[in-house]
mmCIF file of all heavy atoms, coordinates in Angstrom:
data_MODEL
# 
_entry.id   MODEL 
# 
loop_
_atom_site.group_PDB 
_atom_site.id 
_atom_site.type_symbol 
_atom_site.label_atom_id 
_atom_site.label_alt_id 
_atom_site.label_comp_id 
_atom_site.label_asym_id 
_atom_site.label_entity_id 
_atom_site.label_seq_id 
_atom_site.pdbx_PDB_ins_code 
_atom_site.Cartn_x 
_atom_site.Cartn_y 
_atom_site.Cartn_z 
_atom_site.occupancy 
_atom_site.B_iso_or_equiv 
_atom_site.pdbx_formal_charge 
_atom_site.auth_seq_id 
_atom_site.auth_comp_id 
_atom_site.auth_asym_id 
_atom_site.auth_atom_id 
_atom_site.pdbx_PDB_model_num 
ATOM 1   N N   . LEU A 1 1  ? -39.795 62.157 16.845 1.00 0.00 ? 1  LEU A N   1 
ATOM 2   C CA  . LEU A 1 1  ? -38.956 62.151 15.646 1.00 0.00 ? 1  LEU A CA  1 
ATOM 3   C C   . LEU A 1 1  ? -38.226 60.828 15.490 1.00 0.00 ? 1  LEU A C   1 
ATOM 4   O O   . LEU A 1 1  ? -38.106 60.293 14.379 1.00 0.00 ? 1  LEU A O   1 
ATOM 5   C CB  . LEU A 1 1  ? -37.951 63.307 15.700 1.00 0.00 ? 1  LEU A CB  1 
ATOM 6   C CG  . LEU A 1 1  ? -38.520 64.710 15.515 1.00 0.00 ? 1  LEU A CG  1 
ATOM 7   C CD1 . LEU A 1 1  ? -37.429 65.756 15.714 1.00 0.00 ? 1  LEU A CD1 1 
ATOM 8   C CD2 . LEU A 1 1  ? -39.143 64.855 14.132 1.00 0.00 ? 1  LEU A CD2 1 
ATOM 9   N N   . ALA A 1 2  ? -37.733 60.284 16.611 1.00 0.00 ? 2  ALA A N   1 
ATOM 10  C CA  . ALA A 1 2  ? -37.039 58.992 16.558 1.00 0.00 ? 2  ALA A CA  1 
ATOM 11  C C   . ALA A 1 2  ? -37.987 57.888 16.108 1.00 0.00 ? 2  ALA A C   1 
ATOM 12  O O   . ALA A 1 2  ? -37.597 57.005 15.328 1.00 0.00 ? 2  ALA A O   1 
ATOM 13  C CB  . ALA A 1 2  ? -36.454 58.664 17.933 1.00 0.00 ? 2  ALA A CB  1 
ATOM 14  N N   . MET A 1 3  ? -39.240 57.938 16.571 1.00 0.00 ? 3  MET A N   1 
ATOM 15  C CA  . MET A 1 3  ? -40.228 56.943 16.145 1.00 0.00 ? 3  MET A CA  1 
ATOM 16  C C   . MET A 1 3  ? -40.553 57.071 14.668 1.00 0.00 ? 3  MET A C   1 
ATOM 17  O O   . MET A 1 3  ? -40.567 56.079 13.928 1.00 0.00 ? 3  MET A O   1 
ATOM 18  C CB  . MET A 1 3  ? -41.507 57.092 16.977 1.00 0.00 ? 3  MET A CB  1 
ATOM 19  C CG  . MET A 1 3  ? -41.426 56.544 18.372 1.00 0.00 ? 3  MET A CG  1 
ATOM 20  S SD  . MET A 1 3  ? -43.071 56.451 19.150 1.00 0.00 ? 3  MET A SD  1 
ATOM 21  C CE  . MET A 1 3  ? -43.453 58.184 19.353 1.00 0.00 ? 3  MET A CE  1 
ATOM 22  N N   . VAL A 1 4  ? -40.842 58.295 14.241 1.00 0.00 ? 4  VAL A N   1 
ATOM 23  C CA  . VAL A 1 4  ? -41.232 58.523 12.849 1.00 0.00 ? 4  VAL A CA  1 
ATOM 24  C C   . VAL A 1 4  ? -40.123 58.085 11.903 1.00 0.00 ? 4  VAL A C   1 
ATOM 25  O O   . VAL A 1 4  ? -40.356 57.350 10.932 1.00 0.00 ? 4  VAL A O   1 
ATOM 26  C CB  . VAL A 1 4  ? -41.580 60.007 12.620 1.00 0.00 ? 4  VAL A CB  1 
ATOM 27  C CG1 . VAL A 1 4  ? -41.795 60.291 11.138 1.00 0.00 ? 4  VAL A CG1 1 
ATOM 28  C CG2 . VAL A 1 4  ? -42.823 60.398 13.409 1.00 0.00 ? 4  VAL A CG2 1 
ATOM 29  N N   . ILE A 1 5  ? -38.902 58.524 12.176 1.00 0.00 ? 5  ILE A N   1 
ATOM 30  C CA  . ILE A 1 5  ? -37.775 58.199 11.295 1.00 0.00 ? 5  ILE A CA  1 
ATOM 31  C C   . ILE A 1 5  ? -37.397 56.731 11.412 1.00 0.00 ? 5  ILE A C   1 
ATOM 32  O O   . ILE A 1 5  ? -37.159 56.050 10.405 1.00 0.00 ? 5  ILE A O   1 
ATOM 33  C CB  . ILE A 1 5  ? -36.569 59.092 11.639 1.00 0.00 ? 5  ILE A CB  1 
ATOM 34  C CG1 . ILE A 1 5  ? -36.905 60.558 11.347 1.00 0.00 ? 5  ILE A CG1 1 
ATOM 35  C CG2 . ILE A 1 5  ? -35.332 58.665 10.842 1.00 0.00 ? 5  ILE A CG2 1 
ATOM 36  C CD1 . ILE A 1 5  ? -35.858 61.540 11.829 1.00 0.00 ? 5  ILE A CD1 1 
ATOM 37  N N   . GLY A 1 6  ? -37.346 56.230 12.645 1.00 0.00 ? 6  GLY A N   1 
ATOM 38  C CA  . GLY A 1 6  ? -36.946 54.836 12.857 1.00 0.00 ? 6  GLY A CA  1 
ATOM 39  C C   . GLY A 1 6  ? -37.853 53.863 12.130 1.00 0.00 ? 6  GLY A C   1 
ATOM 40  O O   . GLY A 1 6  ? -37.388 52.962 11.421 1.00 0.00 ? 6  GLY A O   1 
ATOM 41  N N   . MET A 1 7  ? -39.170 54.040 12.275 1.00 0.00 ? 7  MET A N   1 
ATOM 42  C CA  . MET A 1 7  ? -40.100 53.115 11.626 1.00 0.00 ? 7  MET A CA  1 
ATOM 43  C C   . MET A 1 7  ? -40.199 53.359 10.122 1.00 0.00 ? 7  MET A C   1 
ATOM 44  O O   . MET A 1 7  ? -40.483 52.440 9.358  1.00 0.00 ? 7  MET A O   1 
ATOM 45  C CB  . MET A 1 7  ? -41.473 53.204 12.286 1.00 0.00 ? 7  MET A CB  1 
ATOM 46  C CG  . MET A 1 7  ? -41.488 52.646 13.701 1.00 0.00 ? 7  MET A CG  1 
ATOM 47  S SD  . MET A 1 7  ? -43.153 52.354 14.343 1.00 0.00 ? 7  MET A SD  1 
ATOM 48  C CE  . MET A 1 7  ? -43.803 54.022 14.426 1.00 0.00 ? 7  MET A CE  1 
ATOM 49  N N   . PHE A 1 8  ? -39.977 54.591 9.686  1.00 0.00 ? 8  PHE A N   1 
ATOM 50  C CA  . PHE A 1 8  ? -39.993 54.869 8.246  1.00 0.00 ? 8  PHE A CA  1 
ATOM 51  C C   . PHE A 1 8  ? -38.951 54.009 7.534  1.00 0.00 ? 8  PHE A C   1 
ATOM 52  O O   . PHE A 1 8  ? -39.193 53.505 6.426  1.00 0.00 ? 8  PHE A O   1 
ATOM 53  C CB  . PHE A 1 8  ? -39.714 56.351 7.992  1.00 0.00 ? 8  PHE A CB  1 
ATOM 54  C CG  . PHE A 1 8  ? -39.784 56.734 6.538  1.00 0.00 ? 8  PHE A CG  1 
ATOM 55  C CD1 . PHE A 1 8  ? -40.989 57.140 5.984  1.00 0.00 ? 8  PHE A CD1 1 
ATOM 56  C CD2 . PHE A 1 8  ? -38.658 56.696 5.736  1.00 0.00 ? 8  PHE A CD2 1 
ATOM 57  C CE1 . PHE A 1 8  ? -41.063 57.490 4.645  1.00 0.00 ? 8  PHE A CE1 1 
ATOM 58  C CE2 . PHE A 1 8  ? -38.727 57.037 4.394  1.00 0.00 ? 8  PHE A CE2 1 
ATOM 59  C CZ  . PHE A 1 8  ? -39.939 57.443 3.843  1.00 0.00 ? 8  PHE A CZ  1 
ATOM 60  N N   . PHE A 1 9  ? -37.822 53.825 8.172  1.00 0.00 ? 9  PHE A N   1 
ATOM 61  C CA  . PHE A 1 9  ? -36.748 53.014 7.592  1.00 0.00 ? 9  PHE A CA  1 
ATOM 62  C C   . PHE A 1 9  ? -36.713 51.595 8.158  1.00 0.00 ? 9  PHE A C   1 
ATOM 63  O O   . PHE A 1 9  ? -35.701 50.896 8.053  1.00 0.00 ? 9  PHE A O   1 
ATOM 64  C CB  . PHE A 1 9  ? -35.393 53.695 7.812  1.00 0.00 ? 9  PHE A CB  1 
ATOM 65  C CG  . PHE A 1 9  ? -35.238 54.978 7.045  1.00 0.00 ? 9  PHE A CG  1 
ATOM 66  C CD1 . PHE A 1 9  ? -35.374 56.206 7.681  1.00 0.00 ? 9  PHE A CD1 1 
ATOM 67  C CD2 . PHE A 1 9  ? -34.988 54.965 5.683  1.00 0.00 ? 9  PHE A CD2 1 
ATOM 68  C CE1 . PHE A 1 9  ? -35.235 57.393 6.978  1.00 0.00 ? 9  PHE A CE1 1 
ATOM 69  C CE2 . PHE A 1 9  ? -34.852 56.144 4.964  1.00 0.00 ? 9  PHE A CE2 1 
ATOM 70  C CZ  . PHE A 1 9  ? -34.979 57.367 5.613  1.00 0.00 ? 9  PHE A CZ  1 
ATOM 71  N N   . GLY A 1 10 ? -37.824 51.173 8.756  1.00 0.00 ? 10 GLY A N   1 
ATOM 72  C CA  . GLY A 1 10 ? -37.917 49.802 9.229  1.00 0.00 ? 10 GLY A CA  1 
ATOM 73  C C   . GLY A 1 10 ? -36.953 49.457 10.349 1.00 0.00 ? 10 GLY A C   1 
ATOM 74  O O   . GLY A 1 10 ? -36.491 48.315 10.445 1.00 0.00 ? 10 GLY A O   1 
ATOM 75  N N   . MET A 1 11 ? -36.633 50.445 11.209 1.00 0.00 ? 11 MET A N   1 
ATOM 76  C CA  . MET A 1 11 ? -35.701 50.249 12.334 1.00 0.00 ? 11 MET A CA  1 
ATOM 77  C C   . MET A 1 11 ? -34.305 49.870 11.846 1.00 0.00 ? 11 MET A C   1 
ATOM 78  O O   . MET A 1 11 ? -33.533 49.233 12.563 1.00 0.00 ? 11 MET A O   1 
ATOM 79  C CB  . MET A 1 11 ? -36.229 49.169 13.289 1.00 0.00 ? 11 MET A CB  1 
ATOM 80  C CG  . MET A 1 11 ? -37.608 49.433 13.849 1.00 0.00 ? 11 MET A CG  1 
ATOM 81  S SD  . MET A 1 11 ? -37.699 50.951 14.849 1.00 0.00 ? 11 MET A SD  1 
ATOM 82  C CE  . MET A 1 11 ? -36.718 50.492 16.285 1.00 0.00 ? 11 MET A CE  1 
ATOM 83  N N   . SER A 1 12 ? -33.951 50.285 10.637 1.00 0.00 ? 12 SER A N   1 
ATOM 84  C CA  . SER A 1 12 ? -32.645 49.919 10.067 1.00 0.00 ? 12 SER A CA  1 
ATOM 85  C C   . SER A 1 12 ? -31.609 51.025 10.208 1.00 0.00 ? 12 SER A C   1 
ATOM 86  O O   . SER A 1 12 ? -30.441 50.824 9.850  1.00 0.00 ? 12 SER A O   1 
ATOM 87  C CB  . SER A 1 12 ? -32.800 49.569 8.582  1.00 0.00 ? 12 SER A CB  1 
ATOM 88  O OG  . SER A 1 12 ? -33.254 50.692 7.838  1.00 0.00 ? 12 SER A OG  1 
ATOM 89  N N   . LEU A 1 13 ? -32.004 52.198 10.736 1.00 0.00 ? 13 LEU A N   1 
ATOM 90  C CA  . LEU A 1 13 ? -31.066 53.318 10.857 1.00 0.00 ? 13 LEU A CA  1 
ATOM 91  C C   . LEU A 1 13 ? -30.903 53.772 12.307 1.00 0.00 ? 13 LEU A C   1 
ATOM 92  O O   . LEU A 1 13 ? -30.618 54.929 12.568 1.00 0.00 ? 13 LEU A O   1 
ATOM 93  C CB  . LEU A 1 13 ? -31.539 54.494 10.003 1.00 0.00 ? 13 LEU A CB  1 
ATOM 94  C CG  . LEU A 1 13 ? -31.481 54.302 8.490  1.00 0.00 ? 13 LEU A CG  1 
ATOM 95  C CD1 . LEU A 1 13 ? -31.939 55.569 7.777  1.00 0.00 ? 13 LEU A CD1 1 
ATOM 96  C CD2 . LEU A 1 13 ? -30.067 53.947 8.031  1.00 0.00 ? 13 LEU A CD2 1 
ATOM 97  N N   . SER A 1 14 ? -31.103 52.897 13.250 1.00 0.00 ? 14 SER A N   1 
ATOM 98  C CA  . SER A 1 14 ? -30.938 53.250 14.661 1.00 0.00 ? 14 SER A CA  1 
ATOM 99  C C   . SER A 1 14 ? -29.461 53.331 15.026 1.00 0.00 ? 14 SER A C   1 
ATOM 100 O O   . SER A 1 14 ? -28.588 52.907 14.270 1.00 0.00 ? 14 SER A O   1 
ATOM 101 C CB  . SER A 1 14 ? -31.647 52.222 15.542 1.00 0.00 ? 14 SER A CB  1 
ATOM 102 O OG  . SER A 1 14 ? -33.024 52.180 15.242 1.00 0.00 ? 14 SER A OG  1 
ATOM 103 N N   . LEU A 1 15 ? -29.190 53.861 16.226 1.00 0.00 ? 15 LEU A N   1 
ATOM 104 C CA  . LEU A 1 15 ? -27.820 54.100 16.659 1.00 0.00 ? 15 LEU A CA  1 
ATOM 105 C C   . LEU A 1 15 ? -27.218 52.941 17.444 1.00 0.00 ? 15 LEU A C   1 
ATOM 106 O O   . LEU A 1 15 ? -26.030 52.959 17.755 1.00 0.00 ? 15 LEU A O   1 
ATOM 107 C CB  . LEU A 1 15 ? -27.760 55.368 17.521 1.00 0.00 ? 15 LEU A CB  1 
ATOM 108 C CG  . LEU A 1 15 ? -28.252 56.655 16.855 1.00 0.00 ? 15 LEU A CG  1 
ATOM 109 C CD1 . LEU A 1 15 ? -28.225 57.810 17.850 1.00 0.00 ? 15 LEU A CD1 1 
ATOM 110 C CD2 . LEU A 1 15 ? -27.401 56.980 15.636 1.00 0.00 ? 15 LEU A CD2 1 
ATOM 111 N N   . GLY A 1 16 ? -28.025 51.938 17.787 1.00 0.00 ? 16 GLY A N   1 
ATOM 112 C CA  . GLY A 1 16 ? -27.526 50.819 18.580 1.00 0.00 ? 16 GLY A CA  1 
ATOM 113 C C   . GLY A 1 16 ? -26.456 50.028 17.837 1.00 0.00 ? 16 GLY A C   1 
ATOM 114 O O   . GLY A 1 16 ? -26.508 49.877 16.617 1.00 0.00 ? 16 GLY A O   1 
ATOM 115 N N   . ALA A 1 17 ? -25.489 49.545 18.601 1.00 0.00 ? 17 ALA A N   1 
ATOM 116 C CA  . ALA A 1 17 ? -24.389 48.789 17.990 1.00 0.00 ? 17 ALA A CA  1 
ATOM 117 C C   . ALA A 1 17 ? -23.962 47.627 18.882 1.00 0.00 ? 17 ALA A C   1 
ATOM 118 O O   . ALA A 1 17 ? -22.774 47.307 18.979 1.00 0.00 ? 17 ALA A O   1 
ATOM 119 C CB  . ALA A 1 17 ? -23.206 49.707 17.728 1.00 0.00 ? 17 ALA A CB  1 
ATOM 120 N N   . ALA A 1 18 ? -24.938 46.971 19.525 1.00 0.00 ? 18 ALA A N   1 
ATOM 121 C CA  . ALA A 1 18 ? -24.611 45.818 20.368 1.00 0.00 ? 18 ALA A CA  1 
ATOM 122 C C   . ALA A 1 18 ? -24.136 44.662 19.487 1.00 0.00 ? 18 ALA A C   1 
ATOM 123 O O   . ALA A 1 18 ? -24.670 44.448 18.398 1.00 0.00 ? 18 ALA A O   1 
ATOM 124 C CB  . ALA A 1 18 ? -25.829 45.393 21.183 1.00 0.00 ? 18 ALA A CB  1 
ATOM 125 N N   . PRO A 1 19 ? -23.109 43.923 19.918 1.00 0.00 ? 19 PRO A N   1 
ATOM 126 C CA  . PRO A 1 19 ? -22.617 42.798 19.102 1.00 0.00 ? 19 PRO A CA  1 
ATOM 127 C C   . PRO A 1 19 ? -23.623 41.651 19.084 1.00 0.00 ? 19 PRO A C   1 
ATOM 128 O O   . PRO A 1 19 ? -24.342 41.420 20.061 1.00 0.00 ? 19 PRO A O   1 
ATOM 129 C CB  . PRO A 1 19 ? -21.324 42.392 19.812 1.00 0.00 ? 19 PRO A CB  1 
ATOM 130 C CG  . PRO A 1 19 ? -21.522 42.825 21.231 1.00 0.00 ? 19 PRO A CG  1 
ATOM 131 C CD  . PRO A 1 19 ? -22.346 44.070 21.169 1.00 0.00 ? 19 PRO A CD  1 
ATOM 132 N N   . TRP A 1 20 ? -23.693 40.958 17.972 1.00 0.00 ? 20 TRP A N   1 
ATOM 133 C CA  . TRP A 1 20 ? -24.571 39.796 17.865 1.00 0.00 ? 20 TRP A CA  1 
ATOM 134 C C   . TRP A 1 20 ? -23.844 38.573 18.431 1.00 0.00 ? 20 TRP A C   1 
ATOM 135 O O   . TRP A 1 20 ? -22.626 38.457 18.296 1.00 0.00 ? 20 TRP A O   1 
ATOM 136 C CB  . TRP A 1 20 ? -24.960 39.555 16.410 1.00 0.00 ? 20 TRP A CB  1 
ATOM 137 C CG  . TRP A 1 20 ? -25.744 40.690 15.836 1.00 0.00 ? 20 TRP A CG  1 
ATOM 138 C CD1 . TRP A 1 20 ? -25.262 41.769 15.170 1.00 0.00 ? 20 TRP A CD1 1 
ATOM 139 C CD2 . TRP A 1 20 ? -27.161 40.874 15.922 1.00 0.00 ? 20 TRP A CD2 1 
ATOM 140 N NE1 . TRP A 1 20 ? -26.274 42.619 14.825 1.00 0.00 ? 20 TRP A NE1 1 
ATOM 141 C CE2 . TRP A 1 20 ? -27.455 42.097 15.260 1.00 0.00 ? 20 TRP A CE2 1 
ATOM 142 C CE3 . TRP A 1 20 ? -28.206 40.132 16.475 1.00 0.00 ? 20 TRP A CE3 1 
ATOM 143 C CZ2 . TRP A 1 20 ? -28.747 42.595 15.154 1.00 0.00 ? 20 TRP A CZ2 1 
ATOM 144 C CZ3 . TRP A 1 20 ? -29.488 40.623 16.357 1.00 0.00 ? 20 TRP A CZ3 1 
ATOM 145 C CH2 . TRP A 1 20 ? -29.754 41.842 15.715 1.00 0.00 ? 20 TRP A CH2 1 
ATOM 146 N N   . PRO A 1 21 ? -24.518 37.684 19.139 1.00 0.00 ? 21 PRO A N   1 
ATOM 147 C CA  . PRO A 1 21 ? -25.983 37.591 19.324 1.00 0.00 ? 21 PRO A CA  1 
ATOM 148 C C   . PRO A 1 21 ? -26.519 38.377 20.516 1.00 0.00 ? 21 PRO A C   1 
ATOM 149 O O   . PRO A 1 21 ? -27.707 38.294 20.810 1.00 0.00 ? 21 PRO A O   1 
ATOM 150 C CB  . PRO A 1 21 ? -26.192 36.093 19.534 1.00 0.00 ? 21 PRO A CB  1 
ATOM 151 C CG  . PRO A 1 21 ? -24.974 35.659 20.257 1.00 0.00 ? 21 PRO A CG  1 
ATOM 152 C CD  . PRO A 1 21 ? -23.846 36.471 19.680 1.00 0.00 ? 21 PRO A CD  1 
ATOM 153 N N   . TRP A 1 22 ? -25.651 39.129 21.227 1.00 0.00 ? 22 TRP A N   1 
ATOM 154 C CA  . TRP A 1 22 ? -26.118 39.874 22.392 1.00 0.00 ? 22 TRP A CA  1 
ATOM 155 C C   . TRP A 1 22 ? -27.127 40.958 21.998 1.00 0.00 ? 22 TRP A C   1 
ATOM 156 O O   . TRP A 1 22 ? -27.904 41.429 22.835 1.00 0.00 ? 22 TRP A O   1 
ATOM 157 C CB  . TRP A 1 22 ? -24.927 40.510 23.116 1.00 0.00 ? 22 TRP A CB  1 
ATOM 158 C CG  . TRP A 1 22 ? -23.981 39.487 23.647 1.00 0.00 ? 22 TRP A CG  1 
ATOM 159 C CD1 . TRP A 1 22 ? -22.735 39.190 23.181 1.00 0.00 ? 22 TRP A CD1 1 
ATOM 160 C CD2 . TRP A 1 22 ? -24.226 38.594 24.739 1.00 0.00 ? 22 TRP A CD2 1 
ATOM 161 N NE1 . TRP A 1 22 ? -22.176 38.175 23.905 1.00 0.00 ? 22 TRP A NE1 1 
ATOM 162 C CE2 . TRP A 1 22 ? -23.068 37.788 24.880 1.00 0.00 ? 22 TRP A CE2 1 
ATOM 163 C CE3 . TRP A 1 22 ? -25.296 38.389 25.614 1.00 0.00 ? 22 TRP A CE3 1 
ATOM 164 C CZ2 . TRP A 1 22 ? -22.962 36.802 25.854 1.00 0.00 ? 22 TRP A CZ2 1 
ATOM 165 C CZ3 . TRP A 1 22 ? -25.192 37.408 26.587 1.00 0.00 ? 22 TRP A CZ3 1 
ATOM 166 C CH2 . TRP A 1 22 ? -24.037 36.630 26.692 1.00 0.00 ? 22 TRP A CH2 1 
ATOM 167 N N   . ALA A 1 23 ? -27.110 41.360 20.741 1.00 0.00 ? 23 ALA A N   1 
ATOM 168 C CA  . ALA A 1 23 ? -28.063 42.370 20.271 1.00 0.00 ? 23 ALA A CA  1 
ATOM 169 C C   . ALA A 1 23 ? -29.505 41.889 20.426 1.00 0.00 ? 23 ALA A C   1 
ATOM 170 O O   . ALA A 1 23 ? -30.414 42.699 20.621 1.00 0.00 ? 23 ALA A O   1 
ATOM 171 C CB  . ALA A 1 23 ? -27.767 42.722 18.824 1.00 0.00 ? 23 ALA A CB  1 
ATOM 172 N N   . TYR A 1 24 ? -29.723 40.572 20.327 1.00 0.00 ? 24 TYR A N   1 
ATOM 173 C CA  . TYR A 1 24 ? -31.076 40.045 20.519 1.00 0.00 ? 24 TYR A CA  1 
ATOM 174 C C   . TYR A 1 24 ? -31.585 40.398 21.915 1.00 0.00 ? 24 TYR A C   1 
ATOM 175 O O   . TYR A 1 24 ? -32.738 40.835 22.086 1.00 0.00 ? 24 TYR A O   1 
ATOM 176 C CB  . TYR A 1 24 ? -31.101 38.532 20.340 1.00 0.00 ? 24 TYR A CB  1 
ATOM 177 C CG  . TYR A 1 24 ? -30.947 38.064 18.915 1.00 0.00 ? 24 TYR A CG  1 
ATOM 178 C CD1 . TYR A 1 24 ? -29.827 37.342 18.520 1.00 0.00 ? 24 TYR A CD1 1 
ATOM 179 C CD2 . TYR A 1 24 ? -31.938 38.331 17.959 1.00 0.00 ? 24 TYR A CD2 1 
ATOM 180 C CE1 . TYR A 1 24 ? -29.683 36.909 17.207 1.00 0.00 ? 24 TYR A CE1 1 
ATOM 181 C CE2 . TYR A 1 24 ? -31.800 37.891 16.647 1.00 0.00 ? 24 TYR A CE2 1 
ATOM 182 C CZ  . TYR A 1 24 ? -30.672 37.184 16.282 1.00 0.00 ? 24 TYR A CZ  1 
ATOM 183 O OH  . TYR A 1 24 ? -30.538 36.760 14.990 1.00 0.00 ? 24 TYR A OH  1 
ATOM 184 N N   . LEU A 1 25 ? -30.738 40.200 22.915 1.00 0.00 ? 25 LEU A N   1 
ATOM 185 C CA  . LEU A 1 25 ? -31.131 40.496 24.295 1.00 0.00 ? 25 LEU A CA  1 
ATOM 186 C C   . LEU A 1 25 ? -31.293 41.997 24.502 1.00 0.00 ? 25 LEU A C   1 
ATOM 187 O O   . LEU A 1 25 ? -32.226 42.442 25.190 1.00 0.00 ? 25 LEU A O   1 
ATOM 188 C CB  . LEU A 1 25 ? -30.079 39.942 25.263 1.00 0.00 ? 25 LEU A CB  1 
ATOM 189 C CG  . LEU A 1 25 ? -29.959 38.422 25.333 1.00 0.00 ? 25 LEU A CG  1 
ATOM 190 C CD1 . LEU A 1 25 ? -28.832 38.021 26.281 1.00 0.00 ? 25 LEU A CD1 1 
ATOM 191 C CD2 . LEU A 1 25 ? -31.281 37.812 25.793 1.00 0.00 ? 25 LEU A CD2 1 
ATOM 192 N N   . ALA A 1 26 ? -30.389 42.776 23.916 1.00 0.00 ? 26 ALA A N   1 
ATOM 193 C CA  . ALA A 1 26 ? -30.467 44.229 24.063 1.00 0.00 ? 26 ALA A CA  1 
ATOM 194 C C   . ALA A 1 26 ? -31.750 44.760 23.440 1.00 0.00 ? 26 ALA A C   1 
ATOM 195 O O   . ALA A 1 26 ? -32.459 45.589 24.045 1.00 0.00 ? 26 ALA A O   1 
ATOM 196 C CB  . ALA A 1 26 ? -29.248 44.886 23.410 1.00 0.00 ? 26 ALA A CB  1 
# 
């Protein structure tokens, strides 16, 4: 379900909230 929904919205609705630029590494 996470894959189907995540990719449907182009990975724009995930729960991650790492600060940038550290989000690149995460």
